[in-house]
Every structure is written in structure tokens, then in C-alpha cells.
Protein backbone atom coordinates (compact mmCIF):
# COMPACT_ATOMS: atom_id res chain seq x y z
CA MET A 1 -6.62 -41.31 0.79
CA ALA A 2 -7.99 -38.16 2.41
CA ILE A 3 -11.47 -36.80 1.74
CA ILE A 4 -12.54 -33.21 2.38
CA VAL A 5 -16.30 -32.71 2.82
CA ASN A 6 -18.11 -29.41 2.30
CA PRO A 7 -20.34 -29.24 5.40
CA GLY A 8 -22.87 -27.04 3.59
CA THR A 9 -23.46 -29.26 0.56
CA GLY A 10 -21.99 -32.63 1.45
CA SER A 11 -19.79 -32.52 -1.67
CA GLN A 12 -16.73 -34.71 -1.29
CA TYR A 13 -13.27 -33.94 -2.60
CA VAL A 14 -10.90 -36.91 -2.81
CA ILE A 15 -7.35 -35.63 -2.39
CA GLN A 16 -4.98 -37.03 -5.02
CA GLU A 17 -1.73 -35.16 -4.52
CA LEU A 18 -0.08 -32.10 -3.00
CA LEU A 19 0.53 -29.43 -5.64
CA GLY A 20 2.26 -26.86 -3.46
CA SER A 21 2.51 -25.25 -0.06
CA GLY A 22 3.38 -21.93 1.47
CA SER A 23 3.15 -19.96 4.67
CA PHE A 24 -0.66 -19.68 4.47
CA GLY A 25 -1.52 -23.26 3.60
CA LYS A 26 -1.45 -25.96 0.95
CA VAL A 27 -2.96 -26.67 -2.46
CA PHE A 28 -4.07 -30.15 -3.44
CA LYS A 29 -5.26 -31.78 -6.62
CA ALA A 30 -8.58 -33.50 -5.88
CA TYR A 31 -11.49 -35.22 -7.59
CA ASN A 32 -15.10 -34.20 -7.01
CA SER A 33 -17.57 -36.89 -8.07
CA SER A 34 -20.64 -34.62 -8.07
CA MET A 35 -18.95 -32.21 -10.51
CA ARG A 36 -17.16 -35.11 -12.23
CA LYS A 37 -13.98 -33.12 -12.50
CA ILE A 38 -10.53 -32.56 -11.11
CA VAL A 39 -10.29 -29.43 -8.96
CA ALA A 40 -7.68 -27.62 -6.90
CA VAL A 41 -8.38 -27.50 -3.17
CA LYS A 42 -6.62 -24.56 -1.52
CA MET A 43 -6.55 -25.01 2.25
CA ILE A 44 -5.76 -21.83 4.16
CA HIS A 45 -4.79 -21.93 7.84
CA CYS A 46 -6.91 -19.46 9.82
CA TYR A 47 -5.88 -19.01 13.44
CA SER A 48 -8.95 -17.01 14.47
CA LEU A 49 -12.60 -16.76 13.56
CA ASP A 50 -11.95 -13.26 12.19
CA GLN A 51 -9.30 -14.62 9.81
CA ALA A 52 -11.66 -17.38 8.65
CA THR A 53 -14.50 -14.91 8.12
CA GLU A 54 -12.24 -12.60 6.08
CA ALA A 55 -10.92 -15.50 3.98
CA VAL A 56 -14.46 -16.69 3.22
CA LYS A 57 -15.53 -13.13 2.34
CA GLU A 58 -12.65 -12.67 -0.11
CA ALA A 59 -13.08 -16.14 -1.65
CA THR A 60 -16.82 -15.62 -2.05
CA LEU A 61 -16.09 -12.37 -3.89
CA HIS A 62 -13.56 -14.26 -6.02
CA GLY A 63 -16.31 -16.72 -6.94
CA THR A 64 -18.41 -13.94 -8.44
CA ILE A 65 -15.70 -12.80 -10.87
CA GLN A 66 -15.82 -14.41 -14.30
CA HIS A 67 -12.92 -13.79 -16.64
CA VAL A 68 -10.86 -15.94 -18.98
CA ASN A 69 -7.64 -15.06 -17.10
CA ILE A 70 -8.95 -15.68 -13.58
CA LEU A 71 -9.35 -19.15 -12.10
CA LYS A 72 -12.93 -20.09 -11.33
CA CYS A 73 -13.75 -20.48 -7.64
CA TYR A 74 -16.51 -23.09 -7.35
CA ALA A 75 -16.99 -23.16 -3.59
CA VAL A 76 -15.62 -21.91 -0.29
CA PHE A 77 -16.17 -23.32 3.18
CA SER A 78 -14.44 -23.64 6.53
CA ILE A 79 -13.76 -26.78 8.52
CA PRO A 80 -12.08 -27.33 11.89
CA ASP A 81 -8.55 -28.66 11.77
CA TYR A 82 -6.83 -31.04 14.14
CA MET A 83 -5.09 -28.20 16.03
CA GLY A 84 -8.31 -26.49 17.07
CA SER A 85 -8.09 -23.72 14.50
CA VAL A 86 -9.98 -23.39 11.22
CA MET A 87 -9.09 -24.36 7.66
CA THR A 88 -10.78 -22.31 4.95
CA CYS A 89 -11.09 -24.41 1.80
CA LEU A 90 -11.33 -22.86 -1.65
CA ILE A 91 -12.42 -25.19 -4.43
CA GLU A 92 -10.93 -23.79 -7.60
CA GLU A 93 -10.48 -24.62 -11.24
CA PHE A 94 -7.56 -26.99 -11.78
CA CYS A 95 -5.00 -25.97 -14.40
CA ASP A 96 -2.77 -28.77 -15.58
CA GLY A 97 0.84 -27.86 -16.27
CA GLY A 98 1.83 -26.27 -12.97
CA SER A 99 1.93 -22.70 -11.81
CA LEU A 100 3.08 -19.68 -13.78
CA ALA A 101 6.26 -19.73 -11.68
CA ASP A 102 6.81 -23.37 -12.75
CA GLN A 103 6.35 -22.40 -16.40
CA ILE A 104 8.88 -19.57 -16.11
CA ARG A 105 11.43 -21.77 -14.31
CA THR A 106 11.20 -24.73 -16.68
CA ARG A 107 11.51 -22.84 -19.96
CA ARG A 108 15.09 -22.58 -21.19
CA TYR A 109 14.33 -19.34 -22.94
CA ASN A 110 11.47 -16.94 -22.80
CA LYS A 111 10.73 -15.10 -26.00
CA TYR A 112 9.67 -11.49 -25.80
CA ARG A 113 6.28 -12.22 -27.40
CA GLU A 114 5.51 -14.99 -24.92
CA THR A 115 6.47 -12.80 -21.96
CA LYS A 116 4.44 -9.91 -23.35
CA SER A 117 1.44 -12.22 -23.82
CA TRP A 118 1.66 -13.45 -20.21
CA VAL A 119 1.95 -9.91 -18.84
CA LEU A 120 -1.05 -8.73 -20.89
CA GLN A 121 -3.14 -11.69 -19.69
CA ILE A 122 -2.22 -11.00 -16.05
CA LEU A 123 -3.04 -7.30 -16.45
CA SER A 124 -6.37 -8.16 -18.10
CA GLY A 125 -7.29 -10.29 -15.08
CA LEU A 126 -6.17 -7.61 -12.62
CA ILE A 127 -8.22 -4.97 -14.43
CA LYS A 128 -11.31 -7.20 -14.16
CA ILE A 129 -10.69 -7.74 -10.43
CA HIS A 130 -10.27 -3.99 -9.90
CA GLN A 131 -13.46 -3.20 -11.82
CA HIS A 132 -15.41 -5.87 -9.94
CA THR A 133 -14.18 -4.88 -6.49
CA SER A 134 -14.05 -1.10 -6.88
CA GLY A 135 -15.47 0.55 -3.77
CA GLN A 136 -15.47 -2.65 -1.72
CA ASP A 137 -13.26 -2.94 1.33
CA ILE A 138 -11.59 -6.26 0.61
CA ILE A 139 -8.16 -5.49 2.01
CA GLU A 140 -7.88 -4.91 5.72
CA ARG A 141 -6.10 -1.63 6.27
CA GLN A 142 -4.09 -1.09 9.43
């Protein structure tokens, strides 16, 4: 059993299972005893201090957005990993039932109304993000 500790608060997250992984990192289901709830721990590989700083900045901004169609971000912190780089950890709301991609894949049919409802919910969340971040440089332009 692995335990992730937030160095700023001492909060402990007991890892229960891997939910998914990708090129940037992994997402785990975990239990936090101080919150008394199941959370999702997103661990992002950061290969430089600049990457870690940017990830923390974006996740901190995410934590300030409150909307029914946006996952809550409870905490963000960075910890060293075993390879000498940094892992940025996002502690997010856990949604049982898998990802949206899982829901789309597992349904044998997708009614127009259901698809329309999903699209409208996604757009509602994106509009809130845009309104909240308007004028802030959150995407690094090259």
C-alpha cells in the first residue's frame, strides 16, 4: 500500500488502485482520512522545475473554479520522485463510473438526447473556465 503525503499540510492519501495512465502521468483512486473521502490523485511527471511550477500554477487556478461540470481540485503539491525529477500531485474530486471516454465506449447505443446533454455540459464547463481565466496567461505560447 502506497501513501502520498502533502508536504505542506501533512495530509495522507492512501492509494487504492490505478485508474488510468497516459504520457504525462497516472491517476489513482485514494482515500484521505482527514477529508474522510475517496479522491483522485493525478500524478504528473515534471522533468524540470519550470514544468513543476507551471503545473502547480495551472492546478491552483483550477482549484479556484467552482462549477457543477468541473471536477473540484482540493489540493496541489509537488514531491520528488525516485528518478530525481518532480511529481506534481493534484488531489481532485473522485467520480465513480469511469471517465467520459469509458462511458462512451461501454454504451451500446448513444441516444441523441444523451449526446446533446453531454456536449452541453462540457460546453458549460468550458465557458466557465474561459470566463474565469480570461486575460490570464495560462497557456505557454511558443
